[in-house]
N, C-alpha and C. Protein backbone atom coordinates (compact mmCIF):
# COMPACT_ATOMS: atom_id res chain seq x y z
N MET A 1 0.84 -1.19 0.00
CA MET A 1 0.00 0.00 0.00
C MET A 1 0.88 1.25 0.00
N LEU A 2 0.48 2.22 -0.77
CA LEU A 2 1.24 3.46 -0.84
C LEU A 2 0.89 4.35 0.35
N ARG A 3 1.91 4.88 0.96
CA ARG A 3 1.67 5.78 2.09
C ARG A 3 1.97 7.20 1.65
N GLY A 4 1.15 8.13 2.09
CA GLY A 4 1.39 9.53 1.82
C GLY A 4 0.88 10.01 0.46
N VAL A 5 0.29 9.12 -0.30
CA VAL A 5 -0.24 9.51 -1.61
C VAL A 5 -1.74 9.70 -1.48
N ILE A 6 -2.20 10.86 -1.86
CA ILE A 6 -3.64 11.15 -1.83
C ILE A 6 -4.12 11.27 -3.27
N TYR A 7 -5.06 10.44 -3.62
CA TYR A 7 -5.64 10.49 -4.95
C TYR A 7 -6.77 11.51 -4.94
N LEU A 8 -6.46 12.73 -5.32
CA LEU A 8 -7.40 13.84 -5.23
C LEU A 8 -8.70 13.60 -5.99
N PRO A 9 -8.70 13.08 -7.20
CA PRO A 9 -9.97 12.84 -7.87
C PRO A 9 -10.89 11.88 -7.09
N VAL A 10 -10.30 10.86 -6.49
CA VAL A 10 -11.10 9.92 -5.71
C VAL A 10 -11.54 10.58 -4.40
N PHE A 11 -10.64 11.29 -3.77
CA PHE A 11 -10.91 11.93 -2.49
C PHE A 11 -12.02 12.98 -2.62
N ALA A 12 -12.10 13.66 -3.75
CA ALA A 12 -13.14 14.66 -3.98
C ALA A 12 -14.35 14.07 -4.70
N GLY A 13 -14.15 13.06 -5.51
CA GLY A 13 -15.22 12.51 -6.32
C GLY A 13 -16.22 11.67 -5.55
N VAL A 14 -15.75 10.89 -4.60
CA VAL A 14 -16.65 10.03 -3.83
C VAL A 14 -17.65 10.85 -3.01
N PRO A 15 -17.22 11.86 -2.25
CA PRO A 15 -18.21 12.67 -1.53
C PRO A 15 -19.16 13.41 -2.47
N ALA A 16 -18.66 13.85 -3.61
CA ALA A 16 -19.53 14.54 -4.58
C ALA A 16 -20.58 13.58 -5.13
N LEU A 17 -20.19 12.36 -5.42
CA LEU A 17 -21.13 11.35 -5.90
C LEU A 17 -22.17 11.02 -4.84
N LEU A 18 -21.75 10.86 -3.60
CA LEU A 18 -22.69 10.57 -2.52
C LEU A 18 -23.66 11.73 -2.29
N LEU A 19 -23.17 12.94 -2.40
CA LEU A 19 -24.04 14.11 -2.26
C LEU A 19 -25.08 14.15 -3.38
N PHE A 20 -24.66 13.84 -4.59
CA PHE A 20 -25.58 13.82 -5.72
C PHE A 20 -26.66 12.76 -5.54
N VAL A 21 -26.26 11.56 -5.13
CA VAL A 21 -27.21 10.47 -4.94
C VAL A 21 -28.20 10.81 -3.82
N ALA A 22 -27.72 11.38 -2.74
CA ALA A 22 -28.61 11.76 -1.63
C ALA A 22 -29.58 12.85 -2.05
N THR A 23 -29.12 13.81 -2.83
CA THR A 23 -29.99 14.88 -3.30
C THR A 23 -31.09 14.34 -4.20
N VAL A 24 -30.74 13.47 -5.11
CA VAL A 24 -31.74 12.88 -6.01
C VAL A 24 -32.71 12.01 -5.21
N ALA A 25 -32.21 11.27 -4.23
CA ALA A 25 -33.06 10.40 -3.42
C ALA A 25 -34.07 11.20 -2.60
N CYS A 26 -33.74 12.42 -2.24
CA CYS A 26 -34.67 13.28 -1.51
C CYS A 26 -35.58 14.07 -2.44
N TRP A 27 -35.05 14.46 -3.60
CA TRP A 27 -35.78 15.34 -4.51
C TRP A 27 -36.94 14.63 -5.20
N ILE A 28 -36.75 13.38 -5.60
CA ILE A 28 -37.80 12.67 -6.34
C ILE A 28 -39.07 12.51 -5.49
N PRO A 29 -39.00 12.00 -4.26
CA PRO A 29 -40.24 11.90 -3.48
C PRO A 29 -40.83 13.26 -3.12
N ALA A 30 -39.98 14.25 -2.89
CA ALA A 30 -40.49 15.59 -2.55
C ALA A 30 -41.25 16.20 -3.71
N ARG A 31 -40.76 15.97 -4.92
CA ARG A 31 -41.45 16.49 -6.11
C ARG A 31 -42.80 15.81 -6.27
N ARG A 32 -42.86 14.51 -5.99
CA ARG A 32 -44.11 13.78 -6.08
C ARG A 32 -45.14 14.29 -5.08
N VAL A 33 -44.70 14.50 -3.85
CA VAL A 33 -45.61 14.94 -2.79
C VAL A 33 -46.09 16.37 -3.04
N ALA A 34 -45.25 17.19 -3.61
CA ALA A 34 -45.63 18.58 -3.88
C ALA A 34 -46.75 18.67 -4.91
N ALA A 35 -46.92 17.65 -5.72
CA ALA A 35 -47.95 17.67 -6.75
C ALA A 35 -49.33 17.28 -6.20
N ILE A 36 -49.38 16.74 -4.98
CA ILE A 36 -50.65 16.29 -4.40
C ILE A 36 -51.33 17.46 -3.67
N ASP A 37 -52.63 17.59 -3.88
CA ASP A 37 -53.40 18.62 -3.18
C ASP A 37 -53.50 18.23 -1.70
N PRO A 38 -53.16 19.13 -0.77
CA PRO A 38 -53.19 18.79 0.65
C PRO A 38 -54.57 18.35 1.16
N LEU A 39 -55.62 18.96 0.65
CA LEU A 39 -56.96 18.58 1.11
C LEU A 39 -57.31 17.16 0.69
N VAL A 40 -56.89 16.77 -0.49
CA VAL A 40 -57.15 15.41 -0.96
C VAL A 40 -56.36 14.41 -0.10
N ALA A 41 -55.14 14.74 0.21
CA ALA A 41 -54.31 13.85 1.01
C ALA A 41 -54.87 13.70 2.43
N LEU A 42 -55.33 14.79 3.02
CA LEU A 42 -55.90 14.71 4.37
C LEU A 42 -57.24 14.00 4.38
N ARG A 43 -58.01 14.14 3.33
CA ARG A 43 -59.32 13.50 3.26
C ARG A 43 -59.19 11.99 3.22
N GLN A 44 -58.11 11.48 2.67
CA GLN A 44 -57.93 10.04 2.55
C GLN A 44 -57.40 9.40 3.84
N GLU A 45 -57.01 10.18 4.80
CA GLU A 45 -56.48 9.63 6.07
C GLU A 45 -57.53 8.93 6.86
């Protein structure tokens, strides 16, 4: 194993990829819920 070598593309790319996946995972359901009328959603409870 190499010591002292930091692979900058990997070190920066992995957190960026995880941030992108988390954002998409939150955005898709939120967009779906925003399209529902609140009165219709409460009426079905």
